[in-house]
PDB file of N, CA and C in Angstrom:
ATOM      1  N   MET A   1      38.677  41.960  -0.893  1.00  0.00           N
ATOM      2  CA  MET A   1      38.282  43.333  -1.168  1.00  0.00           C
ATOM      3  C   MET A   1      36.759  43.408  -1.203  1.00  0.00           C
ATOM      4  N   LYS A   2      36.222  44.565  -0.952  1.00  0.00           N
ATOM      5  CA  LYS A   2      34.788  44.807  -1.037  1.00  0.00           C
ATOM      6  C   LYS A   2      34.425  44.923  -2.518  1.00  0.00           C
ATOM      7  N   CYS A   3      33.379  44.241  -2.930  1.00  0.00           N
ATOM      8  CA  CYS A   3      32.969  44.239  -4.331  1.00  0.00           C
ATOM      9  C   CYS A   3      32.502  45.637  -4.751  1.00  0.00           C
ATOM     10  N   PRO A   4      33.113  46.215  -5.790  1.00  0.00           N
ATOM     11  CA  PRO A   4      32.700  47.544  -6.248  1.00  0.00           C
ATOM     12  C   PRO A   4      31.373  47.526  -7.015  1.00  0.00           C
ATOM     13  N   ILE A   5      30.887  46.355  -7.396  1.00  0.00           N
ATOM     14  CA  ILE A   5      29.632  46.262  -8.142  1.00  0.00           C
ATOM     15  C   ILE A   5      28.436  46.272  -7.191  1.00  0.00           C
ATOM     16  N   CYS A   6      28.380  45.300  -6.268  1.00  0.00           N
ATOM     17  CA  CYS A   6      27.217  45.210  -5.380  1.00  0.00           C
ATOM     18  C   CYS A   6      27.407  45.971  -4.069  1.00  0.00           C
ATOM     19  N   LYS A   7      28.662  46.254  -3.731  1.00  0.00           N
ATOM     20  CA  LYS A   7      29.014  47.001  -2.519  1.00  0.00           C
ATOM     21  C   LYS A   7      28.633  46.286  -1.217  1.00  0.00           C
ATOM     22  N   HIS A   8      28.256  45.009  -1.305  1.00  0.00           N
ATOM     23  CA  HIS A   8      27.860  44.273  -0.104  1.00  0.00           C
ATOM     24  C   HIS A   8      28.782  43.098   0.188  1.00  0.00           C
ATOM     25  N   GLY A   9      29.200  42.399  -0.833  1.00  0.00           N
ATOM     26  CA  GLY A   9      30.003  41.194  -0.643  1.00  0.00           C
ATOM     27  C   GLY A   9      31.490  41.468  -0.654  1.00  0.00           C
ATOM     28  N   ASN A  10      32.224  40.515  -0.122  1.00  0.00           N
ATOM     29  CA  ASN A  10      33.681  40.521  -0.205  1.00  0.00           C
ATOM     30  C   ASN A  10      34.099  39.495  -1.244  1.00  0.00           C
ATOM     31  N   THR A  11      35.252  39.707  -1.848  1.00  0.00           N
ATOM     32  CA  THR A  11      35.746  38.762  -2.843  1.00  0.00           C
ATOM     33  C   THR A  11      36.681  37.762  -2.184  1.00  0.00           C
ATOM     34  N   HIS A  12      36.699  36.565  -2.756  1.00  0.00           N
ATOM     35  CA  HIS A  12      37.552  35.489  -2.271  1.00  0.00           C
ATOM     36  C   HIS A  12      38.171  34.790  -3.470  1.00  0.00           C
ATOM     37  N   ALA A  13      39.338  34.192  -3.263  1.00  0.00           N
ATOM     38  CA  ALA A  13      40.005  33.460  -4.332  1.00  0.00           C
ATOM     39  C   ALA A  13      39.111  32.328  -4.820  1.00  0.00           C
ATOM     40  N   GLY A  14      39.055  32.185  -6.134  1.00  0.00           N
ATOM     41  CA  GLY A  14      38.265  31.133  -6.752  1.00  0.00           C
ATOM     42  C   GLY A  14      38.666  30.966  -8.199  1.00  0.00           C
ATOM     43  N   VAL A  15      37.803  30.375  -8.979  1.00  0.00           N
ATOM     44  CA  VAL A  15      38.029  30.200 -10.416  1.00  0.00           C
ATOM     45  C   VAL A  15      36.752  30.553 -11.154  1.00  0.00           C
ATOM     46  N   ALA A  16      36.902  30.867 -12.443  1.00  0.00           N
ATOM     47  CA  ALA A  16      35.755  31.232 -13.275  1.00  0.00           C
ATOM     48  C   ALA A  16      36.010  30.782 -14.708  1.00  0.00           C
ATOM     49  N   SER A  17      34.949  30.687 -15.477  1.00  0.00           N
ATOM     50  CA  SER A  17      35.055  30.438 -16.914  1.00  0.00           C
ATOM     51  C   SER A  17      34.897  31.767 -17.630  1.00  0.00           C
ATOM     52  N   ILE A  18      35.749  31.992 -18.633  1.00  0.00           N
ATOM     53  CA  ILE A  18      35.777  33.260 -19.366  1.00  0.00           C
ATOM     54  C   ILE A  18      35.680  32.970 -20.862  1.00  0.00           C
ATOM     55  N   THR A  19      34.836  33.692 -21.571  1.00  0.00           N
ATOM     56  CA  THR A  19      34.717  33.557 -23.021  1.00  0.00           C
ATOM     57  C   THR A  19      35.164  34.856 -23.672  1.00  0.00           C
ATOM     58  N   LEU A  20      36.069  34.747 -24.640  1.00  0.00           N
ATOM     59  CA  LEU A  20      36.565  35.911 -25.378  1.00  0.00           C
ATOM     60  C   LEU A  20      36.325  35.697 -26.866  1.00  0.00           C
ATOM     61  N   GLU A  21      36.079  36.789 -27.578  1.00  0.00           N
ATOM     62  CA  GLU A  21      35.912  36.741 -29.029  1.00  0.00           C
ATOM     63  C   GLU A  21      36.931  37.661 -29.682  1.00  0.00           C
ATOM     64  N   ARG A  22      37.539  37.169 -30.728  1.00  0.00           N
ATOM     65  CA  ARG A  22      38.484  37.930 -31.541  1.00  0.00           C
ATOM     66  C   ARG A  22      38.124  37.674 -32.992  1.00  0.00           C
ATOM     67  N   GLY A  23      37.504  38.642 -33.654  1.00  0.00           N
ATOM     68  CA  GLY A  23      37.089  38.428 -35.038  1.00  0.00           C
ATOM     69  C   GLY A  23      36.144  37.250 -35.117  1.00  0.00           C
ATOM     70  N   HIS A  24      36.540  36.211 -35.885  1.00  0.00           N
ATOM     71  CA  HIS A  24      35.710  35.016 -36.049  1.00  0.00           C
ATOM     72  C   HIS A  24      36.069  33.925 -35.042  1.00  0.00           C
ATOM     73  N   THR A  25      36.915  34.247 -34.075  1.00  0.00           N
ATOM     74  CA  THR A  25      37.370  33.273 -33.086  1.00  0.00           C
ATOM     75  C   THR A  25      36.625  33.456 -31.769  1.00  0.00           C
ATOM     76  N   THR A  26      36.126  32.363 -31.230  1.00  0.00           N
ATOM     77  CA  THR A  26      35.543  32.342 -29.891  1.00  0.00           C
ATOM     78  C   THR A  26      36.334  31.335 -29.085  1.00  0.00           C
ATOM     79  N   ILE A  27      36.855  31.774 -27.951  1.00  0.00           N
ATOM     80  CA  ILE A  27      37.653  30.894 -27.111  1.00  0.00           C
ATOM     81  C   ILE A  27      37.152  30.973 -25.679  1.00  0.00           C
ATOM     82  N   MET A  28      36.937  29.813 -25.082  1.00  0.00           N
ATOM     83  CA  MET A  28      36.473  29.748 -23.702  1.00  0.00           C
ATOM     84  C   MET A  28      37.583  29.148 -22.846  1.00  0.00           C
ATOM     85  N   PHE A  29      37.891  29.837 -21.770  1.00  0.00           N
ATOM     86  CA  PHE A  29      38.886  29.370 -20.810  1.00  0.00           C
ATOM     87  C   PHE A  29      38.151  28.906 -19.555  1.00  0.00           C
ATOM     88  N   LYS A  30      38.473  27.708 -19.103  1.00  0.00           N
ATOM     89  CA  LYS A  30      37.877  27.182 -17.880  1.00  0.00           C
ATOM     90  C   LYS A  30      38.899  27.233 -16.752  1.00  0.00           C
ATOM     91  N   ARG A  31      38.403  27.332 -15.527  1.00  0.00           N
ATOM     92  CA  ARG A  31      39.224  27.306 -14.322  1.00  0.00           C
ATOM     93  C   ARG A  31      40.270  28.419 -14.296  1.00  0.00           C
ATOM     94  N   VAL A  32      39.843  29.626 -14.641  1.00  0.00           N
ATOM     95  CA  VAL A  32      40.717  30.807 -14.628  1.00  0.00           C
ATOM     96  C   VAL A  32      40.768  31.350 -13.197  1.00  0.00           C
ATOM     97  N   PRO A  33      41.966  31.550 -12.635  1.00  0.00           N
ATOM     98  CA  PRO A  33      42.058  32.101 -11.290  1.00  0.00           C
ATOM     99  C   PRO A  33      41.408  33.486 -11.224  1.00  0.00           C
ATOM    100  N   ALA A  34      40.653  33.724 -10.160  1.00  0.00           N
ATOM    101  CA  ALA A  34      39.918  34.981 -10.053  1.00  0.00           C
ATOM    102  C   ALA A  34      39.599  35.285  -8.600  1.00  0.00           C
ATOM    103  N   GLN A  35      39.204  36.515  -8.365  1.00  0.00           N
ATOM    104  CA  GLN A  35      38.581  36.917  -7.117  1.00  0.00           C
ATOM    105  C   GLN A  35      37.086  36.977  -7.425  1.00  0.00           C
ATOM    106  N   VAL A  36      36.274  36.267  -6.643  1.00  0.00           N
ATOM    107  CA  VAL A  36      34.851  36.155  -6.922  1.00  0.00           C
ATOM    108  C   VAL A  36      34.066  36.714  -5.734  1.00  0.00           C
ATOM    109  N   CYS A  37      33.099  37.583  -6.029  1.00  0.00           N
ATOM    110  CA  CYS A  37      32.272  38.169  -4.979  1.00  0.00           C
ATOM    111  C   CYS A  37      31.342  37.109  -4.393  1.00  0.00           C
ATOM    112  N   GLU A  38      31.333  37.012  -3.082  1.00  0.00           N
ATOM    113  CA  GLU A  38      30.486  36.030  -2.406  1.00  0.00           C
ATOM    114  C   GLU A  38      29.002  36.390  -2.480  1.00  0.00           C
ATOM    115  N   ASN A  39      28.695  37.640  -2.775  1.00  0.00           N
ATOM    116  CA  ASN A  39      27.304  38.091  -2.810  1.00  0.00           C
ATOM    117  C   ASN A  39      26.708  38.038  -4.220  1.00  0.00           C
ATOM    118  N   CYS A  40      27.357  38.700  -5.168  1.00  0.00           N
ATOM    119  CA  CYS A  40      26.782  38.819  -6.516  1.00  0.00           C
ATOM    120  C   CYS A  40      27.454  37.938  -7.559  1.00  0.00           C
ATOM    121  N   GLY A  41      28.616  37.349  -7.225  1.00  0.00           N
ATOM    122  CA  GLY A  41      29.296  36.468  -8.166  1.00  0.00           C
ATOM    123  C   GLY A  41      30.162  37.175  -9.190  1.00  0.00           C
ATOM    124  N   GLU A  42      30.280  38.491  -9.100  1.00  0.00           N
ATOM    125  CA  GLU A  42      31.141  39.233 -10.031  1.00  0.00           C
ATOM    126  C   GLU A  42      32.567  38.694  -9.923  1.00  0.00           C
ATOM    127  N   VAL A  43      33.257  38.643 -11.071  1.00  0.00           N
ATOM    128  CA  VAL A  43      34.580  38.039 -11.157  1.00  0.00           C
ATOM    129  C   VAL A  43      35.612  39.111 -11.495  1.00  0.00           C
ATOM    130  N   TYR A  44      36.759  39.053 -10.824  1.00  0.00           N
ATOM    131  CA  TYR A  44      37.856  40.001 -11.048  1.00  0.00           C
ATOM    132  C   TYR A  44      39.143  39.220 -11.274  1.00  0.00           C
ATOM    133  N   HIS A  45      39.913  39.646 -12.294  1.00  0.00           N
ATOM    134  CA  HIS A  45      41.191  39.007 -12.612  1.00  0.00           C
ATOM    135  C   HIS A  45      42.306  40.021 -12.426  1.00  0.00           C
ATOM    136  N   ASP A  46      43.473  39.533 -12.017  1.00  0.00           N
ATOM    137  CA  ASP A  46      44.603  40.442 -11.906  1.00  0.00           C
ATOM    138  C   ASP A  46      45.207  40.693 -13.287  1.00  0.00           C
ATOM    139  N   ALA A  47      46.109  41.638 -13.369  1.00  0.00           N
ATOM    140  CA  ALA A  47      46.680  42.057 -14.655  1.00  0.00           C
ATOM    141  C   ALA A  47      47.431  40.931 -15.350  1.00  0.00           C
ATOM    142  N   LYS A  48      48.132  40.095 -14.596  1.00  0.00           N
ATOM    143  CA  LYS A  48      48.902  38.998 -15.198  1.00  0.00           C
ATOM    144  C   LYS A  48      47.976  37.992 -15.875  1.00  0.00           C
ATOM    145  N   VAL A  49      46.910  37.626 -15.214  1.00  0.00           N
ATOM    146  CA  VAL A  49      45.940  36.682 -15.782  1.00  0.00           C
ATOM    147  C   VAL A  49      45.282  37.292 -17.021  1.00  0.00           C
ATOM    148  N   THR A  50      44.896  38.557 -16.928  1.00  0.00           N
ATOM    149  CA  THR A  50      44.253  39.231 -18.065  1.00  0.00           C
ATOM    150  C   THR A  50      45.170  39.267 -19.275  1.00  0.00           C
ATOM    151  N   ARG A  51      46.446  39.623 -19.067  1.00  0.00           N
ATOM    152  CA  ARG A  51      47.410  39.642 -20.186  1.00  0.00           C
ATOM    153  C   ARG A  51      47.528  38.267 -20.828  1.00  0.00           C
ATOM    154  N   SER A  52      47.593  37.233 -20.008  1.00  0.00           N
ATOM    155  CA  SER A  52      47.720  35.874 -20.522  1.00  0.00           C
ATOM    156  C   SER A  52      46.490  35.473 -21.342  1.00  0.00           C
ATOM    157  N   LEU A  53      45.296  35.774 -20.833  1.00  0.00           N
ATOM    158  CA  LEU A  53      44.065  35.458 -21.562  1.00  0.00           C
ATOM    159  C   LEU A  53      44.025  36.157 -22.919  1.00  0.00           C
ATOM    160  N   LEU A  54      44.324  37.444 -22.918  1.00  0.00           N
ATOM    161  CA  LEU A  54      44.275  38.209 -24.162  1.00  0.00           C
ATOM    162  C   LEU A  54      45.323  37.726 -25.160  1.00  0.00           C
ATOM    163  N   GLN A  55      46.514  37.398 -24.672  1.00  0.00           N
ATOM    164  CA  GLN A  55      47.570  36.897 -25.555  1.00  0.00           C
ATOM    165  C   GLN A  55      47.167  35.566 -26.186  1.00  0.00           C
ATOM    166  N   GLN A  56      46.628  34.661 -25.389  1.00  0.00           N
ATOM    167  CA  GLN A  56      46.212  33.361 -25.919  1.00  0.00           C
ATOM    168  C   GLN A  56      45.059  33.499 -26.911  1.00  0.00           C
ATOM    169  N   ALA A  57      44.135  34.401 -26.653  1.00  0.00           N
ATOM    170  CA  ALA A  57      43.020  34.623 -27.583  1.00  0.00           C
ATOM    171  C   ALA A  57      43.527  35.204 -28.896  1.00  0.00           C
ATOM    172  N   ASP A  58      44.450  36.152 -28.824  1.00  0.00           N
ATOM    173  CA  ASP A  58      45.018  36.736 -30.046  1.00  0.00           C
ATOM    174  C   ASP A  58      45.768  35.687 -30.862  1.00  0.00           C
ATOM    175  N   GLN A  59      46.532  34.829 -30.189  1.00  0.00           N
ATOM    176  CA  GLN A  59      47.268  33.768 -30.895  1.00  0.00           C
ATOM    177  C   GLN A  59      46.315  32.799 -31.581  1.00  0.00           C
ATOM    178  N   ALA A  60      45.241  32.434 -30.913  1.00  0.00           N
ATOM    179  CA  ALA A  60      44.261  31.524 -31.512  1.00  0.00           C
ATOM    180  C   ALA A  60      43.629  32.164 -32.749  1.00  0.00           C
ATOM    181  N   ALA A  61      43.300  33.445 -32.670  1.00  0.00           N
ATOM    182  CA  ALA A  61      42.700  34.150 -33.809  1.00  0.00           C
ATOM    183  C   ALA A  61      43.669  34.197 -34.981  1.00  0.00           C
ATOM    184  N   GLN A  62      44.945  34.436 -34.704  1.00  0.00           N
ATOM    185  CA  GLN A  62      45.953  34.498 -35.771  1.00  0.00           C
ATOM    186  C   GLN A  62      46.125  33.144 -36.458  1.00  0.00           C
ATOM    187  N   ARG A  63      45.905  32.058 -35.716  1.00  0.00           N
ATOM    188  CA  ARG A  63      46.014  30.706 -36.296  1.00  0.00           C
ATOM    189  C   ARG A  63      44.750  30.290 -37.034  1.00  0.00           C
ATOM    190  N   GLY A  64      43.708  31.110 -36.972  1.00  0.00           N
ATOM    191  CA  GLY A  64      42.481  30.800 -37.691  1.00  0.00           C
ATOM    192  C   GLY A  64      41.521  29.899 -36.927  1.00  0.00           C
ATOM    193  N   VAL A  65      41.725  29.750 -35.622  1.00  0.00           N
ATOM    194  CA  VAL A  65      40.826  28.945 -34.800  1.00  0.00           C
ATOM    195  C   VAL A  65      39.452  29.593 -34.803  1.00  0.00           C
ATOM    196  N   GLU A  66      38.399  28.799 -34.981  1.00  0.00           N
ATOM    197  CA  GLU A  66      37.045  29.351 -34.940  1.00  0.00           C
ATOM    198  C   GLU A  66      36.437  29.235 -33.559  1.00  0.00           C
ATOM    199  N   ILE A  67      36.582  28.076 -32.933  1.00  0.00           N
ATOM    200  CA  ILE A  67      36.053  27.897 -31.574  1.00  0.00           C
ATOM    201  C   ILE A  67      36.991  26.961 -30.826  1.00  0.00           C
ATOM    202  N   ASP A  68      37.237  27.297 -29.557  1.00  0.00           N
ATOM    203  CA  ASP A  68      38.164  26.514 -28.750  1.00  0.00           C
ATOM    204  C   ASP A  68      37.719  26.594 -27.288  1.00  0.00           C
ATOM    205  N   VAL A  69      37.793  25.467 -26.607  1.00  0.00           N
ATOM    206  CA  VAL A  69      37.518  25.427 -25.165  1.00  0.00           C
ATOM    207  C   VAL A  69      38.750  24.797 -24.541  1.00  0.00           C
ATOM    208  N   ARG A  70      39.347  25.506 -23.576  1.00  0.00           N
ATOM    209  CA  ARG A  70      40.562  24.985 -22.961  1.00  0.00           C
ATOM    210  C   ARG A  70      40.627  25.342 -21.489  1.00  0.00           C
ATOM    211  N   ARG A  71      41.413  24.579 -20.762  1.00  0.00           N
ATOM    212  CA  ARG A  71      41.676  24.886 -19.368  1.00  0.00           C
ATOM    213  C   ARG A  71      42.757  25.960 -19.334  1.00  0.00           C
ATOM    214  N   TYR A  72      42.580  26.954 -18.481  1.00  0.00           N
ATOM    215  CA  TYR A  72      43.517  28.060 -18.381  1.00  0.00           C
ATOM    216  C   TYR A  72      44.917  27.561 -18.013  1.00  0.00           C
ATOM    217  N   ALA A  73      45.897  28.099 -18.693  1.00  0.00           N
ATOM    218  CA  ALA A  73      47.306  27.890 -18.374  1.00  0.00           C
ATOM    219  C   ALA A  73      48.036  29.177 -18.718  1.00  0.00           C
ATOM    220  N   THR A  74      49.043  29.527 -17.970  1.00  0.00           N
ATOM    221  CA  THR A  74      49.772  30.758 -18.275  1.00  0.00           C
ATOM    222  C   THR A  74      50.442  30.618 -19.633  1.00  0.00           C
ATOM    223  N   ALA A  75      50.465  31.713 -20.363  1.00  0.00           N
ATOM    224  CA  ALA A  75      51.009  31.695 -21.742  1.00  0.00           C
ATOM    225  C   ALA A  75      52.520  31.660 -21.733  1.00  0.00           C
TER     226      ALA A  75
END
């Protein structure tokens, strides 16, 4: 797809690192599947990946995790 941010690059399948915060919890996911713009590097995730990231971050916050770094896996 054409990148809606820079309007010049096309996106291609790749991976990205994502950091989310929930209250006092910070969680970083590595190697998250994404569409990445070849021009500006903007990252786009599909709805399934986004739901999984948010669910895992919420679960970590509920368990009282303060900081966590993990490789992405579907929830």
